[in-house]
Each structure stands twice: as C-alpha cells, then as structure tokens.
Amino acid sequence: MSAQPPSQPPNPTSAAAQPKQNPALKAMGLPRLRAKLPSRNWCIFLAVSAVIGGTVQYDRYHTRRVKQKWISAVSHLAEQPLAPMALPRKVTIYLAAPPGDGIQAARDHFKEYVKPVLNAAAVDFEVVEGRQMGELRFRVAEAVRNRRRGGEPNAVEEMRERLGVRSQEEGGVMVVGRHAWKEYLRGLHEGWLGPLEASAPPSSPVVSAAVETLEEAITPKEPAQAEEKAKEEKKKNAIPPPYINPEDYAYAQLPRDAPEHFEPVGIVRFPHILGFFNTPIRMYRFVTRRRMADEICREAAAVALGFNRPFITASEQAGTLPESAEVEEGLKKPQGLGEINALEEEEKDWPKKVWTDEKYKGEWTEPIVVDDRIKERLRKFYVPSDVEPKEPESLI
C-alpha cells in the first residue's frame, strides 16, 4: 500500500481572514459586501462634492465669526441705562431696489448683515424704501422740505414735548448701495437748495372739442374709460420730477436755518450682479462672503458707536483726521469728491440696459454733483482704531 501524507489541520488565520456572512443577510439574499475603493468616476464626484461643500462651510463659519466680532464690539451699548424720559437713538435706513431687480434683494441684504449689529447695540431704526429710481430722492427731499416748512402738527410729537421726552443722542443715516447713495445726495440738494413748492407746469394750448354725432354719443366708451383710468393710476404712481437740477445748485441760496452739520452718514456696500454670463463672478462672491460681511458689519458698527468726522475730499485734511486704512483709501479718491464718490465700483455690476434704456436716465446714470455748501456739512461714521476689535483670523 502506498503511504498517504498525513492530513494537515485547518489554518485558524485563514478562517479569521474570511469571516462568514451574517446569516440574516444571507437569508435575505443579499450578497456579501467587500471593502473596496469606489470607481474612478465615484472618486471624482466625491472629491468635487467635498471641495465645494468644504469651501462653502469654511466661508459660512468665518462669516459667522466676523458677525459675532462686530456684535461683541457694540453689545455694551445695549447694557447702558436709559433715562425714564429719554428716547433711544434712532437711525434712518435708506433702501432702494437695485438696478434690474426688486426691493426684496435690498431687504435681504440689510437683514443679513446690518440688522444683527444694530439690534445688538439696541439702536432703533426706521427703514425708508424706494422701489424705483427717483422715489428715494423724492422722499429725502420731501423730508427736508417739511423740516423747512416747520412740519405738520403731529399729536405724538406734541405729547412728547409736553412730557419732556426727547432723544439724548444724535441719530444718523445709513444708505445701502451706490444707487441709493446717489439718490440720497440728490434729495439732500433738492431739499435744501430747491424751492419749497414745485414750479407750475407750462400751460397747454386750448384745443376746441370736436362735436360728436348721434352714433358716437350712443356708442359705449368702456375701453376708452379703462385707458383713462390706467393713465390716471400711472400719474398717481409717477414720481414728481426734481424741483432743481444739478446745474442750478451754484445759483441757489442755502436757507438760513440750515444746520451747521447734517446727520452723519454710513455708506454700506451692496454688490449685486445679475446675468447668466456672470455666473463665475457670482459663484466666487458666494464663497467669499466673509470679506463683504466684515466691511458691512464694520460700517454698521460705526453707525452704532456714533463716532463721526467730515468726509475726506483733499489730501491736506489728513493731518487733522485719525490714521486708518479707511482714511488712506479716501485720500486715493479723485480730488473734489474723495470719499463722497464711494462705492463707484458697484456701477460695473449694473445691467447694460441701465446705461442704454431711456427710462433709466436720471440719478443712477448721472455723475455725482455736490455743492460746496452741502459738502462742508456732510459727515461720515467711522470706527476709531482704539475701539476696533481684534481680528479673529486672517480672512483668506
């Protein structure tokens, strides 16, 4: 008989390397899953998704930190006691629909970046909106004209005066966007340099009415009446033309009751670009909102803190003003306007139809014109260097 080799015992390591499938999964007919790398296409998809998601999350994280930095810088104002017969400080916010879009975009921009800082500082504010070009200009000018007239009697204001309830601090103005800033300046000039009442329109020549026949008188005129009603509605919603043009500023007289300084102004950025071909720019701005949030929250904190100074319009004024990056940027502006010509880069984002369409001819497309008497009364909010909070991290 041939000798058979002795049988070798089973290797315990090989059995451990290949574990048996779970009996429950096996009974369900599921195959045994093995750990392996995904395919090439899946690796590309997961890598791209992780990069995009991580970039967005990184930006949102630092945006929240920037907001919290400026909220903490002004939160001490809310803890200051207020006298029983004193009103909190009140700021006027001017919002206008951006060119080519609606007012909701401006509202969302204000609620996202400006409102949290003002609420943290317990600053009261009133929002004035303009839904179309020229409406904000008219509202600003009308408010100035009412002040010059003496104002209409207000029961609430009269009661506050009788009780001795008054605001102890200067308010201020905040303007959101380049288009709103242009309208605000136009309205300020129109209110202080223009007349109190609009000039009478030129009289139209009298035309003799045509005599209707019997058939024309009997025929119903419902379509014509509907058109007339539509025209009347348009006239009601139409914005009155300005009472004075920029070329007439130099010949107008400033009222004697004009204040020595107007309310300080805070100018907030509002980058808003539309169009399919601008998608790469919009995507880049979507993942770099932390930089915009830092600039906007800084301006909102400056309004809340209340520190203000004259606008920088010439280099020789730098010696009397605080040293800061904001002042240096103002000195680089063109002579004559300086910081008054703020946010000029936003005009590049406006739709092309704003510059070509006839209905947009007006405050938005025309250059800023400032009278010297108005310029010397303008003031700007700023954040002093000793009050500015420390940077949490460098905004890459």
Foldseek 3Di string as FASTA:
>chain_A
DDDDDDDDDDDPVVDVVDDDDDVVCVVVVHDDDDDDDDDPVVVVVVVVVCVVVVLLVVLVVLLVVLLVQLLVLQLVLVVDDDDPQEDAAEEEEEFEAAFPGFRVLRVVVCVPFQVSSCVSNVYHYHYDYHGDQLPLLLVLLLVLLCVVVVHDDDPVVVVSVVVVRYHPDFHAYEYEAPSRLLSNQNSVLLNFFFDSDADDDDDDDDDDDDDDDPVVVPDDDVVVVVVVVVVVVCVVPDRDDGRDDLVCSVVTDGDPPDDQADGAYQYAYDQDADDPVCVVVVVVCSSQVSVSSNRRSQSSSLSSVPDKDAQDQEPVVVVVDADDPVVVQQNPDDHPQRCSSPPVVSVVRHDPCCVVPPVNPDSRPDDRRHDPSNRSRYMYGHDHPVSNGDDPDDRD
